[in-house]
N, C-alpha and C. Protein backbone atom coordinates (compact mmCIF):
# COMPACT_ATOMS: atom_id res chain seq x y z
N MET A 1 7.39 -7.44 -7.39
CA MET A 1 7.22 -6.25 -8.13
C MET A 1 7.53 -5.07 -7.19
N LYS A 2 8.03 -4.03 -7.72
CA LYS A 2 8.32 -2.75 -6.93
C LYS A 2 7.18 -1.81 -7.12
N ILE A 3 6.77 -1.27 -5.96
CA ILE A 3 5.61 -0.33 -5.94
C ILE A 3 6.04 0.97 -5.26
N ARG A 4 5.19 2.03 -5.50
CA ARG A 4 5.25 3.28 -4.81
C ARG A 4 3.88 3.55 -4.15
N LEU A 5 3.92 3.79 -2.95
CA LEU A 5 2.55 3.97 -2.21
C LEU A 5 2.47 5.40 -1.86
N VAL A 6 1.40 6.05 -2.20
CA VAL A 6 1.09 7.40 -1.74
C VAL A 6 -0.19 7.59 -1.03
N GLY A 7 -0.30 8.60 -0.27
CA GLY A 7 -1.45 8.86 0.52
C GLY A 7 -2.45 9.69 -0.35
N GLU A 8 -3.68 9.81 0.24
CA GLU A 8 -4.67 10.60 -0.44
C GLU A 8 -4.26 11.95 -0.94
N ASP A 9 -3.40 12.60 -0.15
CA ASP A 9 -2.95 13.94 -0.50
C ASP A 9 -1.79 13.98 -1.45
N GLY A 10 -1.32 12.75 -1.99
CA GLY A 10 -0.25 12.65 -2.92
C GLY A 10 1.09 12.55 -2.33
N GLU A 11 1.18 12.52 -0.98
CA GLU A 11 2.48 12.39 -0.31
C GLU A 11 2.97 10.95 -0.42
N GLU A 12 4.29 10.82 -0.82
CA GLU A 12 4.78 9.41 -0.84
C GLU A 12 4.95 8.90 0.50
N LEU A 13 4.48 7.70 0.70
CA LEU A 13 4.48 7.00 2.01
C LEU A 13 5.56 5.91 2.06
N ALA A 14 5.69 5.26 0.97
CA ALA A 14 6.66 4.17 1.00
C ALA A 14 7.01 3.69 -0.48
N VAL A 15 8.23 3.03 -0.57
CA VAL A 15 8.57 2.24 -1.77
C VAL A 15 8.94 0.97 -1.27
N ALA A 16 8.38 -0.10 -1.96
CA ALA A 16 8.52 -1.49 -1.39
C ALA A 16 8.47 -2.47 -2.50
N ALA A 17 9.09 -3.68 -2.15
CA ALA A 17 8.96 -4.85 -2.96
C ALA A 17 7.57 -5.43 -2.53
N ALA A 18 6.75 -5.91 -3.39
CA ALA A 18 5.47 -6.31 -3.10
C ALA A 18 4.94 -7.57 -3.85
N SER A 19 3.94 -8.19 -3.37
CA SER A 19 3.36 -9.34 -4.09
C SER A 19 1.83 -9.17 -4.01
N VAL A 20 1.17 -9.86 -4.93
CA VAL A 20 -0.33 -9.85 -4.98
C VAL A 20 -0.86 -11.11 -4.38
N SER A 21 -1.91 -10.82 -3.46
CA SER A 21 -2.60 -11.86 -2.87
C SER A 21 -3.99 -11.85 -3.48
N ASN A 22 -4.37 -12.92 -4.09
CA ASN A 22 -5.62 -13.00 -4.76
C ASN A 22 -6.60 -13.85 -3.91
N ARG A 23 -7.44 -13.29 -3.08
CA ARG A 23 -8.37 -14.02 -2.24
C ARG A 23 -9.69 -13.85 -2.89
N ILE A 24 -10.65 -14.70 -2.44
CA ILE A 24 -12.06 -14.73 -2.89
C ILE A 24 -12.67 -13.36 -2.58
N GLU A 25 -12.47 -12.80 -1.47
CA GLU A 25 -13.16 -11.58 -0.99
C GLU A 25 -12.57 -10.36 -1.73
N ALA A 26 -11.22 -10.29 -1.94
CA ALA A 26 -10.59 -9.08 -2.55
C ALA A 26 -9.19 -9.45 -3.08
N VAL A 27 -8.65 -8.58 -3.93
CA VAL A 27 -7.30 -8.66 -4.33
C VAL A 27 -6.57 -7.66 -3.42
N ALA A 28 -5.40 -8.10 -2.90
CA ALA A 28 -4.57 -7.26 -2.03
C ALA A 28 -3.14 -7.32 -2.51
N ILE A 29 -2.46 -6.22 -2.26
CA ILE A 29 -1.07 -6.16 -2.40
C ILE A 29 -0.44 -6.28 -0.91
N VAL A 30 0.59 -7.18 -0.90
CA VAL A 30 1.27 -7.34 0.38
C VAL A 30 2.64 -6.68 0.22
N LEU A 31 3.01 -5.83 1.15
CA LEU A 31 4.33 -5.20 1.07
C LEU A 31 5.29 -6.14 1.72
N GLU A 32 6.16 -6.72 0.91
CA GLU A 32 7.19 -7.69 1.37
C GLU A 32 8.34 -7.15 2.01
N GLN A 33 8.93 -6.06 1.49
CA GLN A 33 10.12 -5.42 2.01
C GLN A 33 10.09 -4.02 1.67
N LEU A 34 10.04 -3.17 2.70
CA LEU A 34 10.05 -1.75 2.53
C LEU A 34 11.44 -1.25 2.22
N GLU A 35 11.60 -0.56 1.16
CA GLU A 35 12.91 0.12 0.81
C GLU A 35 13.07 1.39 1.66
N ARG A 36 11.92 2.11 1.76
CA ARG A 36 11.85 3.30 2.63
C ARG A 36 10.35 3.57 3.00
N GLY A 37 10.18 4.19 4.07
CA GLY A 37 8.81 4.70 4.39
C GLY A 37 8.19 4.01 5.60
N ALA A 38 8.87 3.12 6.32
CA ALA A 38 8.28 2.42 7.46
C ALA A 38 7.68 3.41 8.42
N GLY A 39 8.45 4.42 8.79
CA GLY A 39 7.94 5.44 9.83
C GLY A 39 6.80 6.23 9.17
N ASP A 40 6.87 6.53 7.91
CA ASP A 40 5.79 7.29 7.29
C ASP A 40 4.44 6.45 7.28
N LEU A 41 4.55 5.20 7.05
CA LEU A 41 3.36 4.41 7.05
C LEU A 41 2.77 4.29 8.47
N LEU A 42 3.61 4.17 9.47
CA LEU A 42 3.12 4.20 10.87
C LEU A 42 2.42 5.43 11.14
N ARG A 43 2.99 6.66 10.92
CA ARG A 43 2.42 7.92 11.16
C ARG A 43 1.07 8.17 10.44
N TYR A 44 1.09 7.66 9.15
CA TYR A 44 -0.23 7.80 8.31
C TYR A 44 -1.33 7.04 8.89
N TYR A 45 -0.96 5.74 9.26
CA TYR A 45 -2.02 4.79 9.70
C TYR A 45 -2.48 5.06 11.12
N PHE A 46 -1.43 5.18 12.01
CA PHE A 46 -1.78 5.33 13.47
C PHE A 46 -1.86 6.81 13.88
N GLY A 47 -0.87 7.65 13.52
CA GLY A 47 -0.88 9.02 13.90
C GLY A 47 -2.01 9.89 13.30
N ARG A 48 -2.16 9.73 11.99
CA ARG A 48 -3.19 10.43 11.31
C ARG A 48 -4.54 9.79 11.15
N GLY A 49 -4.50 8.43 11.37
CA GLY A 49 -5.79 7.75 11.30
C GLY A 49 -6.24 7.55 9.79
N GLN A 50 -5.34 7.53 8.87
CA GLN A 50 -5.66 7.52 7.47
C GLN A 50 -5.54 6.14 6.90
N ARG A 51 -6.37 5.75 6.02
CA ARG A 51 -6.36 4.40 5.43
C ARG A 51 -6.38 4.39 3.90
N LEU A 52 -6.93 5.41 3.29
CA LEU A 52 -6.95 5.46 1.82
C LEU A 52 -5.56 5.78 1.16
N VAL A 53 -5.17 4.95 0.24
CA VAL A 53 -3.88 5.16 -0.39
C VAL A 53 -3.95 4.84 -1.91
N VAL A 54 -2.96 5.08 -2.69
CA VAL A 54 -2.83 4.78 -4.12
C VAL A 54 -1.59 4.04 -4.29
N VAL A 55 -1.66 2.93 -4.96
CA VAL A 55 -0.45 2.21 -5.36
C VAL A 55 -0.12 2.58 -6.70
N HIS A 56 1.18 2.90 -7.03
CA HIS A 56 1.65 3.17 -8.32
C HIS A 56 2.54 2.01 -8.74
N VAL A 57 2.19 1.45 -9.85
CA VAL A 57 3.06 0.26 -10.38
C VAL A 57 2.90 0.14 -11.91
N ASP A 58 4.02 0.14 -12.56
CA ASP A 58 3.97 -0.05 -14.05
C ASP A 58 3.03 0.86 -14.86
N GLY A 59 3.10 2.14 -14.40
CA GLY A 59 2.26 3.05 -15.09
C GLY A 59 0.82 3.05 -14.75
N LEU A 60 0.40 2.25 -13.82
CA LEU A 60 -1.03 2.16 -13.28
C LEU A 60 -1.17 2.71 -11.95
N ARG A 61 -2.33 3.21 -11.55
CA ARG A 61 -2.59 3.55 -10.24
C ARG A 61 -3.78 2.71 -9.70
N PHE A 62 -3.61 2.19 -8.52
CA PHE A 62 -4.60 1.35 -7.90
C PHE A 62 -5.08 1.96 -6.52
N PRO A 63 -6.27 2.52 -6.54
CA PRO A 63 -6.68 3.06 -5.20
C PRO A 63 -6.97 1.86 -4.37
N GLY A 64 -6.65 1.98 -3.05
CA GLY A 64 -6.94 0.93 -2.07
C GLY A 64 -7.03 1.41 -0.65
N THR A 65 -7.24 0.43 0.22
CA THR A 65 -7.32 0.67 1.62
C THR A 65 -6.08 -0.04 2.32
N LEU A 66 -5.37 0.76 3.07
CA LEU A 66 -4.26 0.25 3.84
C LEU A 66 -4.70 -0.45 5.04
N ARG A 67 -4.12 -1.70 5.24
CA ARG A 67 -4.38 -2.49 6.38
C ARG A 67 -3.06 -2.91 6.95
N THR A 68 -3.04 -3.20 8.30
CA THR A 68 -1.86 -3.77 8.91
C THR A 68 -2.23 -4.69 10.04
N ARG A 69 -1.28 -5.68 10.33
CA ARG A 69 -1.49 -6.59 11.43
C ARG A 69 -0.09 -6.96 11.91
N TRP A 70 -0.08 -7.64 12.95
CA TRP A 70 1.18 -8.11 13.54
C TRP A 70 1.15 -9.63 13.46
N ALA A 71 2.22 -10.23 12.91
CA ALA A 71 2.31 -11.64 12.66
C ALA A 71 3.72 -12.07 12.72
N ASP A 72 4.00 -13.20 13.44
CA ASP A 72 5.40 -13.77 13.47
C ASP A 72 6.41 -12.68 13.84
N SER A 73 6.19 -11.88 14.83
CA SER A 73 7.08 -10.84 15.35
C SER A 73 7.38 -9.71 14.37
N ARG A 74 6.49 -9.45 13.43
CA ARG A 74 6.75 -8.41 12.53
C ARG A 74 5.42 -7.73 11.99
N ARG A 75 5.47 -6.50 11.55
CA ARG A 75 4.22 -5.89 11.14
C ARG A 75 4.08 -6.27 9.63
N ILE A 76 2.89 -6.59 9.30
CA ILE A 76 2.53 -6.97 7.84
C ILE A 76 1.62 -5.89 7.35
N TRP A 77 1.98 -5.20 6.22
CA TRP A 77 1.22 -4.20 5.59
C TRP A 77 0.56 -4.71 4.27
N THR A 78 -0.78 -4.55 4.13
CA THR A 78 -1.38 -4.94 2.90
C THR A 78 -2.25 -3.76 2.45
N ILE A 79 -2.66 -3.79 1.14
CA ILE A 79 -3.51 -2.78 0.52
C ILE A 79 -4.56 -3.62 -0.28
N GLU A 80 -5.83 -3.49 0.25
CA GLU A 80 -6.96 -4.05 -0.44
C GLU A 80 -7.31 -3.01 -1.65
N LEU A 81 -7.40 -3.65 -2.82
CA LEU A 81 -7.46 -2.86 -4.06
C LEU A 81 -8.90 -2.61 -4.53
N ALA A 82 -9.04 -1.46 -5.15
CA ALA A 82 -10.24 -1.20 -5.96
C ALA A 82 -9.78 -1.36 -7.42
N ALA A 83 -10.50 -0.69 -8.34
CA ALA A 83 -10.22 -0.79 -9.75
C ALA A 83 -9.01 0.06 -10.12
N ALA A 84 -8.27 -0.36 -11.17
CA ALA A 84 -7.06 0.34 -11.60
C ALA A 84 -7.39 1.49 -12.55
N THR A 85 -6.62 2.51 -12.51
CA THR A 85 -6.69 3.68 -13.53
C THR A 85 -5.32 3.88 -14.14
N SER A 86 -5.34 4.45 -15.20
CA SER A 86 -4.10 4.81 -15.88
C SER A 86 -3.34 5.99 -15.05
N ALA A 87 -2.09 5.90 -14.95
CA ALA A 87 -1.35 6.97 -14.23
C ALA A 87 -1.44 8.35 -14.95
N ALA A 88 -1.72 8.39 -16.21
CA ALA A 88 -1.81 9.60 -16.93
C ALA A 88 -3.13 10.23 -16.74
N ALA A 89 -4.12 9.50 -16.20
CA ALA A 89 -5.44 10.02 -15.91
C ALA A 89 -5.44 11.03 -14.88
């Protein structure tokens, strides 16, 4: 699926192909391939120390917490999700 990721302030951070990871602890979205925004994500996470984001997909907004880790020589970005809301709300 294709998602748009925005920061708390509404600034677009990234557009990416993503998948859902359904774990016992939480549901998360994994950013598989960034179409744009790699630098913006790095600045938001490390430069500004921000973690709260909103995922926009198929007319819904999912608030979540941005996470990252290094694995297999590449950066992995995930968003741990909270409850969904309508984009019109």
